[in-house]
Amino acid sequence: MYTAELSLTALMCFFGTIQTSIITVIVIPRSSWELQWDGGLILIAILYGGIVITGLSYYVMTWSIHKRGPVFTSAFVPLLIVFSFLLDTFVLGDSAHLGSIVGAFLVVVGFYLILWAKADDRKKNEISDDMSINSPLIQP
């Protein structure tokens, strides 16, 4: 157990950044590193997305793991694909394909099945805990 979860998360992000940077320098050609300065917002958007959004998402995931457990938290990860599909379709105006719609539907159905099974498991655990407290030591 590590008592400071947020510093552990910051360390993991930092070392992940170092590893990704090394691999990127080796694999990606140098010509792809040029940023186009359309009003200067591209670099700000990249830094904002990389630092603020990642930090906020790790904080929320750490909080939800404490509240509900890792299964509940990992169930929300596929919804990011659905949200990006919806934003891509409605905000950016890209066309939706049948495979994308079926995939989004299957992700949402799977998500609700996991949440239903987790809630059912929690009820069973509560019932078994109550029975063990109230049941007599010697069964007839």
N, C-alpha and C. Protein backbone atom coordinates (compact mmCIF):
# COMPACT_ATOMS: atom_id res chain seq x y z
N MET A 1 0.84 -1.19 0.00
CA MET A 1 0.00 0.00 0.00
C MET A 1 0.89 1.25 0.00
N TYR A 2 0.57 2.15 -0.85
CA TYR A 2 1.27 3.44 -0.92
C TYR A 2 0.29 4.50 -0.45
N THR A 3 0.66 5.23 0.57
CA THR A 3 -0.29 6.12 1.22
C THR A 3 -0.64 7.37 0.41
N ALA A 4 0.24 7.83 -0.42
CA ALA A 4 -0.03 9.05 -1.20
C ALA A 4 -0.34 8.66 -2.64
N GLU A 5 -1.64 8.41 -2.91
CA GLU A 5 -2.04 7.92 -4.22
C GLU A 5 -1.78 8.93 -5.33
N LEU A 6 -1.99 10.20 -5.04
CA LEU A 6 -1.81 11.20 -6.10
C LEU A 6 -0.35 11.37 -6.48
N SER A 7 0.56 11.28 -5.52
CA SER A 7 1.98 11.37 -5.90
C SER A 7 2.41 10.12 -6.65
N LEU A 8 1.83 8.97 -6.31
CA LEU A 8 2.11 7.76 -7.07
C LEU A 8 1.60 7.90 -8.50
N THR A 9 0.42 8.47 -8.66
CA THR A 9 -0.13 8.71 -9.99
C THR A 9 0.75 9.68 -10.77
N ALA A 10 1.22 10.73 -10.12
CA ALA A 10 2.11 11.69 -10.79
C ALA A 10 3.40 11.02 -11.23
N LEU A 11 3.96 10.16 -10.37
CA LEU A 11 5.18 9.44 -10.74
C LEU A 11 4.93 8.50 -11.93
N MET A 12 3.80 7.81 -11.92
CA MET A 12 3.49 6.92 -13.04
C MET A 12 3.34 7.70 -14.34
N CYS A 13 2.67 8.84 -14.29
CA CYS A 13 2.53 9.68 -15.49
C CYS A 13 3.88 10.21 -15.96
N PHE A 14 4.72 10.61 -15.03
CA PHE A 14 6.03 11.14 -15.38
C PHE A 14 6.89 10.08 -16.07
N PHE A 15 6.96 8.89 -15.49
CA PHE A 15 7.78 7.84 -16.10
C PHE A 15 7.17 7.32 -17.40
N GLY A 16 5.83 7.34 -17.49
CA GLY A 16 5.19 7.00 -18.76
C GLY A 16 5.52 8.01 -19.84
N THR A 17 5.61 9.28 -19.46
CA THR A 17 5.99 10.33 -20.40
C THR A 17 7.42 10.14 -20.88
N ILE A 18 8.31 9.79 -19.97
CA ILE A 18 9.71 9.55 -20.36
C ILE A 18 9.80 8.37 -21.33
N GLN A 19 9.12 7.28 -21.01
CA GLN A 19 9.17 6.11 -21.89
C GLN A 19 8.57 6.41 -23.25
N THR A 20 7.44 7.10 -23.26
CA THR A 20 6.80 7.45 -24.53
C THR A 20 7.68 8.39 -25.35
N SER A 21 8.35 9.32 -24.69
CA SER A 21 9.23 10.26 -25.40
C SER A 21 10.39 9.52 -26.06
N ILE A 22 10.98 8.58 -25.35
CA ILE A 22 12.10 7.82 -25.92
C ILE A 22 11.65 7.02 -27.13
N ILE A 23 10.53 6.34 -27.02
CA ILE A 23 10.03 5.55 -28.15
C ILE A 23 9.65 6.46 -29.31
N THR A 24 9.05 7.61 -29.02
CA THR A 24 8.65 8.54 -30.07
C THR A 24 9.85 9.09 -30.82
N VAL A 25 10.91 9.43 -30.11
CA VAL A 25 12.13 9.94 -30.76
C VAL A 25 12.71 8.89 -31.70
N ILE A 26 12.62 7.63 -31.30
CA ILE A 26 13.18 6.56 -32.12
C ILE A 26 12.29 6.25 -33.33
N VAL A 27 10.97 6.21 -33.14
CA VAL A 27 10.06 5.71 -34.17
C VAL A 27 9.55 6.80 -35.11
N ILE A 28 9.18 7.96 -34.59
CA ILE A 28 8.54 9.00 -35.41
C ILE A 28 9.61 9.84 -36.09
N PRO A 29 9.45 10.10 -37.41
CA PRO A 29 10.44 10.93 -38.10
C PRO A 29 10.40 12.38 -37.62
N ARG A 30 11.51 13.05 -37.76
CA ARG A 30 11.67 14.41 -37.24
C ARG A 30 10.73 15.41 -37.91
N SER A 31 10.35 15.16 -39.14
CA SER A 31 9.48 16.10 -39.86
C SER A 31 8.07 16.14 -39.26
N SER A 32 7.68 15.11 -38.53
CA SER A 32 6.34 15.08 -37.93
C SER A 32 6.25 15.87 -36.64
N TRP A 33 7.37 16.37 -36.14
CA TRP A 33 7.39 17.09 -34.87
C TRP A 33 7.06 18.57 -35.01
N GLU A 34 6.93 19.06 -36.22
CA GLU A 34 6.68 20.48 -36.43
C GLU A 34 5.23 20.83 -36.10
N LEU A 35 5.05 21.85 -35.29
CA LEU A 35 3.71 22.34 -34.96
C LEU A 35 3.38 23.52 -35.84
N GLN A 36 2.15 23.58 -36.31
CA GLN A 36 1.72 24.72 -37.10
C GLN A 36 1.05 25.71 -36.15
N TRP A 37 1.45 26.94 -36.23
CA TRP A 37 0.98 27.95 -35.28
C TRP A 37 -0.23 28.69 -35.81
N ASP A 38 -1.38 28.03 -35.79
CA ASP A 38 -2.64 28.67 -36.18
C ASP A 38 -3.19 29.42 -34.98
N GLY A 39 -2.69 30.62 -34.76
CA GLY A 39 -3.13 31.41 -33.63
C GLY A 39 -2.44 31.02 -32.33
N GLY A 40 -1.52 30.09 -32.36
CA GLY A 40 -0.78 29.70 -31.17
C GLY A 40 -1.54 28.80 -30.22
N LEU A 41 -2.70 28.31 -30.60
CA LEU A 41 -3.51 27.51 -29.68
C LEU A 41 -3.22 26.02 -29.75
N ILE A 42 -2.50 25.56 -30.74
CA ILE A 42 -2.26 24.13 -30.87
C ILE A 42 -1.40 23.62 -29.72
N LEU A 43 -0.31 24.30 -29.43
CA LEU A 43 0.55 23.87 -28.33
C LEU A 43 -0.17 23.97 -26.99
N ILE A 44 -0.96 25.01 -26.80
CA ILE A 44 -1.72 25.16 -25.55
C ILE A 44 -2.73 24.02 -25.42
N ALA A 45 -3.41 23.66 -26.52
CA ALA A 45 -4.38 22.56 -26.48
C ALA A 45 -3.70 21.23 -26.18
N ILE A 46 -2.51 21.02 -26.74
CA ILE A 46 -1.78 19.78 -26.49
C ILE A 46 -1.36 19.70 -25.03
N LEU A 47 -0.81 20.78 -24.51
CA LEU A 47 -0.38 20.80 -23.11
C LEU A 47 -1.57 20.67 -22.16
N TYR A 48 -2.66 21.36 -22.47
CA TYR A 48 -3.86 21.28 -21.63
C TYR A 48 -4.41 19.85 -21.61
N GLY A 49 -4.50 19.24 -22.78
CA GLY A 49 -4.99 17.87 -22.86
C GLY A 49 -4.08 16.88 -22.18
N GLY A 50 -2.79 17.10 -22.30
CA GLY A 50 -1.85 16.17 -21.72
C GLY A 50 -1.69 16.30 -20.22
N ILE A 51 -1.74 17.50 -19.72
CA ILE A 51 -1.47 17.71 -18.29
C ILE A 51 -2.77 17.78 -17.49
N VAL A 52 -3.64 18.69 -17.83
CA VAL A 52 -4.83 18.93 -17.01
C VAL A 52 -5.83 17.78 -17.13
N ILE A 53 -6.16 17.40 -18.33
CA ILE A 53 -7.17 16.36 -18.52
C ILE A 53 -6.67 15.02 -18.01
N THR A 54 -5.42 14.67 -18.27
CA THR A 54 -4.89 13.41 -17.77
C THR A 54 -4.84 13.41 -16.25
N GLY A 55 -4.37 14.50 -15.66
CA GLY A 55 -4.33 14.58 -14.20
C GLY A 55 -5.70 14.50 -13.58
N LEU A 56 -6.66 15.18 -14.17
CA LEU A 56 -8.02 15.15 -13.65
C LEU A 56 -8.64 13.75 -13.78
N SER A 57 -8.41 13.10 -14.91
CA SER A 57 -8.97 11.76 -15.09
C SER A 57 -8.34 10.76 -14.14
N TYR A 58 -7.04 10.85 -13.88
CA TYR A 58 -6.42 9.94 -12.92
C TYR A 58 -6.92 10.21 -11.50
N TYR A 59 -7.16 11.46 -11.18
CA TYR A 59 -7.70 11.79 -9.86
C TYR A 59 -9.09 11.19 -9.68
N VAL A 60 -9.94 11.33 -10.69
CA VAL A 60 -11.30 10.78 -10.61
C VAL A 60 -11.26 9.26 -10.56
N MET A 61 -10.36 8.63 -11.32
CA MET A 61 -10.25 7.18 -11.27
C MET A 61 -9.78 6.70 -9.91
N THR A 62 -8.82 7.39 -9.31
CA THR A 62 -8.35 7.02 -7.97
C THR A 62 -9.47 7.16 -6.94
N TRP A 63 -10.23 8.22 -7.04
CA TRP A 63 -11.35 8.44 -6.13
C TRP A 63 -12.41 7.35 -6.29
N SER A 64 -12.73 6.99 -7.54
CA SER A 64 -13.77 5.99 -7.76
C SER A 64 -13.31 4.59 -7.36
N ILE A 65 -12.02 4.32 -7.46
CA ILE A 65 -11.51 3.02 -6.99
C ILE A 65 -11.69 2.92 -5.48
N HIS A 66 -11.46 4.01 -4.78
CA HIS A 66 -11.66 4.01 -3.32
C HIS A 66 -13.13 3.83 -2.97
N LYS A 67 -14.02 4.41 -3.76
CA LYS A 67 -15.45 4.36 -3.44
C LYS A 67 -16.10 3.03 -3.84
N ARG A 68 -15.82 2.54 -5.04
CA ARG A 68 -16.54 1.39 -5.57
C ARG A 68 -15.68 0.19 -5.95
N GLY A 69 -14.39 0.39 -6.11
CA GLY A 69 -13.53 -0.73 -6.48
C GLY A 69 -13.07 -0.64 -7.93
N PRO A 70 -12.08 -1.47 -8.29
CA PRO A 70 -11.49 -1.38 -9.63
C PRO A 70 -12.41 -1.87 -10.75
N VAL A 71 -13.31 -2.81 -10.47
CA VAL A 71 -14.19 -3.31 -11.52
C VAL A 71 -15.14 -2.21 -11.97
N PHE A 72 -15.68 -1.48 -11.03
CA PHE A 72 -16.60 -0.39 -11.35
C PHE A 72 -15.89 0.68 -12.17
N THR A 73 -14.66 1.00 -11.81
CA THR A 73 -13.90 2.03 -12.52
C THR A 73 -13.54 1.58 -13.93
N SER A 74 -13.09 0.35 -14.07
CA SER A 74 -12.68 -0.12 -15.40
C SER A 74 -13.87 -0.30 -16.33
N ALA A 75 -15.07 -0.40 -15.79
CA ALA A 75 -16.26 -0.53 -16.64
C ALA A 75 -16.53 0.75 -17.42
N PHE A 76 -16.07 1.89 -16.92
CA PHE A 76 -16.32 3.17 -17.59
C PHE A 76 -15.35 3.45 -18.74
N VAL A 77 -14.26 2.74 -18.83
CA VAL A 77 -13.26 3.00 -19.86
C VAL A 77 -13.82 2.83 -21.28
N PRO A 78 -14.61 1.77 -21.57
CA PRO A 78 -15.16 1.66 -22.93
C PRO A 78 -16.12 2.79 -23.29
N LEU A 79 -16.69 3.45 -22.29
CA LEU A 79 -17.58 4.56 -22.61
C LEU A 79 -16.84 5.74 -23.22
N LEU A 80 -15.54 5.83 -23.00
CA LEU A 80 -14.75 6.89 -23.63
C LEU A 80 -14.79 6.76 -25.15
N ILE A 81 -14.81 5.53 -25.63
CA ILE A 81 -14.89 5.30 -27.08
C ILE A 81 -16.23 5.79 -27.60
N VAL A 82 -17.30 5.50 -26.85
CA VAL A 82 -18.63 5.94 -27.26
C VAL A 82 -18.72 7.47 -27.24
N PHE A 83 -18.19 8.10 -26.19
CA PHE A 83 -18.22 9.56 -26.11
C PHE A 83 -17.42 10.20 -27.24
N SER A 84 -16.26 9.63 -27.56
CA SER A 84 -15.47 10.20 -28.65
C SER A 84 -16.18 10.01 -29.99
N PHE A 85 -16.89 8.88 -30.16
CA PHE A 85 -17.69 8.67 -31.38
C PHE A 85 -18.80 9.72 -31.48
N LEU A 86 -19.50 9.97 -30.35
CA LEU A 86 -20.59 10.95 -30.37
C LEU A 86 -20.07 12.36 -30.64
N LEU A 87 -18.96 12.72 -30.01
CA LEU A 87 -18.38 14.05 -30.26
C LEU A 87 -17.90 14.18 -31.70
N ASP A 88 -17.28 13.12 -32.21
CA ASP A 88 -16.79 13.14 -33.57
C ASP A 88 -17.94 13.29 -34.57
N THR A 89 -19.04 12.64 -34.28
CA THR A 89 -20.18 12.68 -35.20
C THR A 89 -20.94 14.00 -35.12
N PHE A 90 -21.26 14.43 -33.89
CA PHE A 90 -22.13 15.61 -33.76
C PHE A 90 -21.38 16.93 -33.74
N VAL A 91 -20.19 16.97 -33.16
CA VAL A 91 -19.47 18.24 -33.07
C VAL A 91 -18.64 18.47 -34.32
N LEU A 92 -17.89 17.47 -34.73
CA LEU A 92 -17.02 17.64 -35.90
C LEU A 92 -17.71 17.35 -37.22
N GLY A 93 -18.87 16.70 -37.16
CA GLY A 93 -19.64 16.48 -38.38
C GLY A 93 -19.18 15.33 -39.24
N ASP A 94 -18.39 14.40 -38.70
CA ASP A 94 -17.99 13.23 -39.49
C ASP A 94 -19.16 12.28 -39.64
N SER A 95 -19.11 11.47 -40.67
CA SER A 95 -20.21 10.54 -40.90
C SER A 95 -20.09 9.32 -39.99
N ALA A 96 -21.24 8.83 -39.58
CA ALA A 96 -21.29 7.65 -38.73
C ALA A 96 -21.48 6.42 -39.61
N HIS A 97 -20.73 5.38 -39.34
CA HIS A 97 -20.83 4.14 -40.09
C HIS A 97 -21.59 3.12 -39.26
N LEU A 98 -22.14 2.13 -39.94
CA LEU A 98 -22.93 1.11 -39.26
C LEU A 98 -22.10 0.37 -38.22
N GLY A 99 -20.87 0.08 -38.53
CA GLY A 99 -19.99 -0.62 -37.59
C GLY A 99 -19.74 0.19 -36.33
N SER A 100 -19.62 1.51 -36.47
CA SER A 100 -19.44 2.37 -35.31
C SER A 100 -20.68 2.39 -34.43
N ILE A 101 -21.84 2.43 -35.04
CA ILE A 101 -23.08 2.45 -34.28
C ILE A 101 -23.29 1.12 -33.56
N VAL A 102 -23.07 0.01 -34.25
CA VAL A 102 -23.22 -1.31 -33.62
C VAL A 102 -22.19 -1.49 -32.51
N GLY A 103 -20.96 -1.04 -32.74
CA GLY A 103 -19.93 -1.14 -31.71
C GLY A 103 -20.27 -0.32 -30.48
N ALA A 104 -20.78 0.90 -30.68
CA ALA A 104 -21.17 1.74 -29.56
C ALA A 104 -22.33 1.11 -28.79
N PHE A 105 -23.28 0.53 -29.51
CA PHE A 105 -24.40 -0.15 -28.86
C PHE A 105 -23.91 -1.33 -28.02
N LEU A 106 -23.01 -2.13 -28.57
CA LEU A 106 -22.49 -3.29 -27.83
C LEU A 106 -21.68 -2.86 -26.60
N VAL A 107 -20.95 -1.78 -26.71
CA VAL A 107 -20.20 -1.28 -25.56
C VAL A 107 -21.14 -0.85 -24.45
N VAL A 108 -22.21 -0.14 -24.81
CA VAL A 108 -23.16 0.33 -23.79
C VAL A 108 -23.89 -0.85 -23.16
N VAL A 109 -24.29 -1.83 -23.96
CA VAL A 109 -24.95 -3.03 -23.41
C VAL A 109 -24.01 -3.78 -22.47
N GLY A 110 -22.76 -3.95 -22.88
CA GLY A 110 -21.78 -4.61 -22.02
C GLY A 110 -21.54 -3.85 -20.74
N PHE A 111 -21.52 -2.53 -20.83
CA PHE A 111 -21.34 -1.69 -19.65
C PHE A 111 -22.47 -1.90 -18.65
N TYR A 112 -23.71 -1.89 -19.14
CA TYR A 112 -24.83 -2.08 -18.23
C TYR A 112 -24.89 -3.50 -17.68
N LEU A 113 -24.46 -4.49 -18.45
CA LEU A 113 -24.41 -5.85 -17.93
C LEU A 113 -23.39 -5.97 -16.80
N ILE A 114 -22.26 -5.31 -16.94
CA ILE A 114 -21.25 -5.33 -15.87
C ILE A 114 -21.78 -4.65 -14.62
N LEU A 115 -22.41 -3.49 -14.79
CA LEU A 115 -22.95 -2.79 -13.62
C LEU A 115 -24.07 -3.59 -12.96
N TRP A 116 -24.90 -4.26 -13.75
CA TRP A 116 -25.97 -5.09 -13.19
C TRP A 116 -25.38 -6.26 -12.41
N ALA A 117 -24.37 -6.91 -12.97
CA ALA A 117 -23.74 -8.04 -12.28
C ALA A 117 -23.03 -7.58 -11.00
N LYS A 118 -22.40 -6.43 -11.06
CA LYS A 118 -21.72 -5.90 -9.87
C LYS A 118 -22.73 -5.55 -8.78
N ALA A 119 -23.86 -4.96 -9.14
CA ALA A 119 -24.90 -4.64 -8.15
C ALA A 119 -25.49 -5.91 -7.57
N ASP A 120 -25.70 -6.94 -8.40
CA ASP A 120 -26.22 -8.22 -7.92
C ASP A 120 -25.23 -8.89 -6.98
N ASP A 121 -23.95 -8.81 -7.31
CA ASP A 121 -22.90 -9.37 -6.45
C ASP A 121 -22.85 -8.65 -5.11
N ARG A 122 -23.02 -7.34 -5.13
CA ARG A 122 -23.02 -6.56 -3.89
C ARG A 122 -24.20 -6.95 -3.00
N LYS A 123 -25.38 -7.17 -3.60
CA LYS A 123 -26.55 -7.59 -2.82
C LYS A 123 -26.32 -8.96 -2.19
N LYS A 124 -25.73 -9.87 -2.95
CA LYS A 124 -25.46 -11.20 -2.41
C LYS A 124 -24.47 -11.14 -1.26
N ASN A 125 -23.47 -10.28 -1.37
CA ASN A 125 -22.50 -10.13 -0.28
C ASN A 125 -23.15 -9.54 0.96
N GLU A 126 -24.06 -8.58 0.78
CA GLU A 126 -24.76 -7.99 1.93
C GLU A 126 -25.64 -9.03 2.60
N ILE A 127 -26.32 -9.86 1.82
CA ILE A 127 -27.18 -10.89 2.39
C ILE A 127 -26.35 -11.93 3.14
N SER A 128 -25.23 -12.35 2.58
CA SER A 128 -24.40 -13.35 3.25
C SER A 128 -23.76 -12.79 4.51
N ASP A 129 -23.42 -11.49 4.51
CA ASP A 129 -22.88 -10.88 5.72
C ASP A 129 -23.93 -10.83 6.82
N ASP A 130 -25.18 -10.47 6.45
CA ASP A 130 -26.25 -10.42 7.44
C ASP A 130 -26.55 -11.81 8.00
N MET A 131 -26.52 -12.82 7.15
CA MET A 131 -26.83 -14.17 7.61
C MET A 131 -25.75 -14.70 8.56
N SER A 132 -24.51 -14.34 8.31
CA SER A 132 -23.44 -14.85 9.16
C SER A 132 -23.47 -14.18 10.53
N ILE A 133 -23.97 -12.95 10.61
CA ILE A 133 -24.05 -12.25 11.89
C ILE A 133 -25.23 -12.77 12.72
N ASN A 134 -26.36 -12.99 12.05
CA ASN A 134 -27.59 -13.33 12.76
C ASN A 134 -27.82 -14.84 12.89
N SER A 135 -27.07 -15.65 12.20
CA SER A 135 -27.32 -17.09 12.26
C SER A 135 -26.69 -17.68 13.52
N PRO A 136 -27.34 -18.72 14.06
CA PRO A 136 -26.77 -19.35 15.27
C PRO A 136 -25.50 -20.12 14.91
N LEU A 137 -24.66 -20.31 15.91
CA LEU A 137 -23.41 -21.01 15.70
C LEU A 137 -23.62 -22.48 15.37
N ILE A 138 -24.61 -23.08 16.01
CA ILE A 138 -24.89 -24.50 15.77
C ILE A 138 -26.19 -24.57 14.99
N GLN A 139 -26.11 -25.16 13.81
CA GLN A 139 -27.29 -25.31 12.97
C GLN A 139 -27.99 -26.62 13.30
N PRO A 140 -29.34 -26.65 13.37
CA PRO A 140 -30.03 -27.92 13.68
C PRO A 140 -29.98 -28.89 12.53
